[in-house]
Amino acid sequence: MKGAKNDFRPLSYLQPGRNTKVSETMSFIPGQPVTAVVQRIEIRKLRQGEHLILGFSIGGGIDQDPGQNPFSEDKSDKGIYVTRVTPEGPAEVAGLMMGDKVMQVNGWDMTMVTHDQARKRLTKKNEDVVRLLVTRKSLEQAVKHSMM
């Protein structure tokens, strides 16, 4: 894929300011260790005049009602999810999919952020490339199936 760098790997990192090991599943208890299978996605922003376009929208955040999240299985997940991907846009070309849960943006933990904090982290003007770690249900299912 042009402009894309994707690979699959388990996620294991420390939350900033905490000694808690983090892994992630599609839902988790805030502040508790979780496990995740993630995919790295690198999106090159499209420049349109003064604007940098990513080609996707997000929903969720710790300040939002998780009951309104169509991607959360238990309706308690306050994570950041991809709610729309522009056809043939930078995000789709890079492999991002609707329903992906954003775990990190350029190395920053996104598991416990407000919607506005996530938006600001994604749309920084001085960054032409956004490196995401995302998880999606199909990744988890593929790993579980391969372990059987």
Protein backbone atom coordinates (compact mmCIF):
# COMPACT_ATOMS: atom_id res chain seq x y z
CA MET A 1 0.00 0.00 0.00
CA LYS A 2 1.28 3.43 -0.94
CA GLY A 3 2.20 5.54 2.09
CA ALA A 4 1.34 2.78 4.57
CA LYS A 5 3.42 0.89 7.07
CA ASN A 6 1.38 -1.78 8.81
CA ASP A 7 2.36 -4.64 11.07
CA PHE A 8 0.72 -6.65 13.81
CA ARG A 9 2.14 -7.04 17.31
CA PRO A 10 1.02 -7.32 20.92
CA LEU A 11 0.91 -4.01 22.75
CA SER A 12 2.82 -3.64 25.98
CA TYR A 13 3.80 -0.23 27.29
CA LEU A 14 3.72 1.85 30.44
CA GLN A 15 1.13 4.53 30.88
CA PRO A 16 2.80 7.91 31.38
CA GLY A 17 3.16 8.69 35.08
CA ARG A 18 2.16 5.19 36.17
CA ASN A 19 3.89 1.93 36.91
CA THR A 20 1.01 -0.04 35.42
CA LYS A 21 1.68 -2.31 32.45
CA VAL A 22 -0.90 -1.70 29.75
CA SER A 23 -2.31 -4.03 27.19
CA GLU A 24 -5.70 -3.54 25.66
CA THR A 25 -8.75 -5.50 24.67
CA MET A 26 -11.81 -4.01 23.04
CA SER A 27 -13.10 -3.07 26.51
CA PHE A 28 -11.37 -2.65 29.84
CA ILE A 29 -11.63 -1.25 33.35
CA PRO A 30 -9.94 2.17 33.55
CA GLY A 31 -6.73 2.05 35.60
CA GLN A 32 -6.46 -1.74 35.38
CA PRO A 33 -3.95 -3.67 33.25
CA VAL A 34 -5.37 -4.76 29.91
CA THR A 35 -4.06 -6.75 26.90
CA ALA A 36 -4.26 -5.91 23.19
CA VAL A 37 -3.33 -6.98 19.73
CA VAL A 38 -2.54 -3.82 17.81
CA GLN A 39 -1.75 -2.75 14.30
CA ARG A 40 0.60 0.10 13.47
CA ILE A 41 -0.79 2.52 10.92
CA GLU A 42 1.14 5.45 9.51
CA ILE A 43 -0.95 8.16 7.87
CA ARG A 44 0.64 10.85 5.72
CA LYS A 45 -1.56 13.93 5.98
CA LEU A 46 -2.83 15.36 2.70
CA ARG A 47 -2.01 19.05 2.32
CA GLN A 48 -4.86 21.20 0.96
CA GLY A 49 -3.75 24.81 1.12
CA GLU A 50 -3.10 25.57 4.79
CA HIS A 51 -5.01 22.48 5.93
CA LEU A 52 -3.64 19.01 6.63
CA ILE A 53 -6.23 16.28 5.97
CA LEU A 54 -6.22 12.89 7.73
CA GLY A 55 -9.39 11.52 6.13
CA PHE A 56 -11.14 10.14 9.21
CA SER A 57 -13.33 11.17 12.14
CA ILE A 58 -13.29 9.99 15.74
CA GLY A 59 -15.82 9.48 18.51
CA GLY A 60 -15.58 8.66 22.18
CA GLY A 61 -13.42 9.88 25.02
CA ILE A 62 -13.61 9.87 28.81
CA ASP A 63 -15.93 12.90 28.70
CA GLN A 64 -18.45 11.23 26.35
CA ASP A 65 -21.39 8.88 27.02
CA PRO A 66 -20.06 5.36 26.28
CA GLY A 67 -23.63 4.14 25.83
CA GLN A 68 -23.69 6.07 22.54
CA ASN A 69 -20.63 4.24 21.21
CA PRO A 70 -21.76 1.76 18.52
CA PHE A 71 -18.37 -0.03 18.62
CA SER A 72 -18.26 -0.83 22.36
CA GLU A 73 -19.48 -4.32 23.19
CA ASP A 74 -20.38 -3.63 26.82
CA LYS A 75 -21.28 0.06 26.37
CA SER A 76 -18.84 1.13 29.11
CA ASP A 77 -15.75 1.68 26.93
CA LYS A 78 -14.71 5.34 26.84
CA GLY A 79 -11.94 4.82 24.29
CA ILE A 80 -11.38 6.78 21.08
CA TYR A 81 -12.86 5.06 18.03
CA VAL A 82 -12.75 5.74 14.30
CA THR A 83 -16.31 6.64 13.30
CA ARG A 84 -15.78 7.55 9.63
CA VAL A 85 -13.09 6.97 7.00
CA THR A 86 -13.08 9.03 3.80
CA PRO A 87 -12.99 6.77 0.72
CA GLU A 88 -9.55 6.91 -0.96
CA GLY A 89 -8.34 9.42 1.67
CA PRO A 90 -5.03 9.22 3.54
CA ALA A 91 -6.47 7.11 6.38
CA GLU A 92 -8.07 4.53 4.08
CA VAL A 93 -4.91 4.30 1.96
CA ALA A 94 -2.95 3.61 5.18
CA GLY A 95 -5.35 0.82 6.23
CA LEU A 96 -7.42 2.53 8.95
CA MET A 97 -10.94 1.12 9.27
CA MET A 98 -14.20 2.34 10.77
CA GLY A 99 -14.51 0.86 14.27
CA ASP A 100 -10.76 0.81 14.96
CA LYS A 101 -9.91 1.78 18.53
CA VAL A 102 -7.04 4.28 18.75
CA MET A 103 -4.57 3.23 21.45
CA GLN A 104 -1.69 5.61 20.71
CA VAL A 105 -1.00 8.63 18.52
CA ASN A 106 2.68 9.34 17.84
CA GLY A 107 3.61 7.51 21.04
CA TRP A 108 1.01 9.24 23.25
CA ASP A 109 -1.39 7.05 25.21
CA MET A 110 -4.97 7.60 24.03
CA THR A 111 -6.77 5.17 26.35
CA MET A 112 -7.79 7.79 28.94
CA VAL A 113 -8.26 11.08 27.08
CA THR A 114 -11.14 13.43 26.40
CA HIS A 115 -12.53 13.74 22.90
CA ASP A 116 -10.95 17.18 22.52
CA GLN A 117 -7.53 15.97 23.73
CA ALA A 118 -7.64 13.19 21.12
CA ARG A 119 -8.67 15.60 18.37
CA LYS A 120 -5.84 18.01 19.26
CA ARG A 121 -3.26 15.21 19.34
CA LEU A 122 -4.33 14.03 15.86
CA THR A 123 -4.48 17.44 14.20
CA LYS A 124 -1.18 19.02 15.24
CA LYS A 125 -0.16 21.45 12.49
CA ASN A 126 3.56 20.69 12.73
CA GLU A 127 3.15 16.93 12.07
CA ASP A 128 2.81 15.70 8.48
CA VAL A 129 2.70 12.05 9.58
CA VAL A 130 0.50 10.47 12.25
CA ARG A 131 1.59 7.10 13.61
CA LEU A 132 -1.25 5.19 15.23
CA LEU A 133 -1.51 2.00 17.21
CA VAL A 134 -5.03 0.67 16.77
CA THR A 135 -6.85 -2.45 17.76
CA ARG A 136 -9.84 -3.98 16.08
CA LYS A 137 -12.08 -6.91 16.78
CA SER A 138 -10.85 -8.86 13.73
CA LEU A 139 -7.24 -8.64 14.98
CA GLU A 140 -8.21 -10.14 18.33
CA GLN A 141 -10.25 -12.87 16.67
CA ALA A 142 -7.38 -13.77 14.31
CA VAL A 143 -4.95 -14.14 17.21
CA LYS A 144 -7.40 -16.17 19.30
CA HIS A 145 -8.11 -18.44 16.32
CA SER A 146 -4.39 -18.98 15.62
CA MET A 147 -3.83 -20.04 19.25
CA MET A 148 -6.46 -22.80 19.10
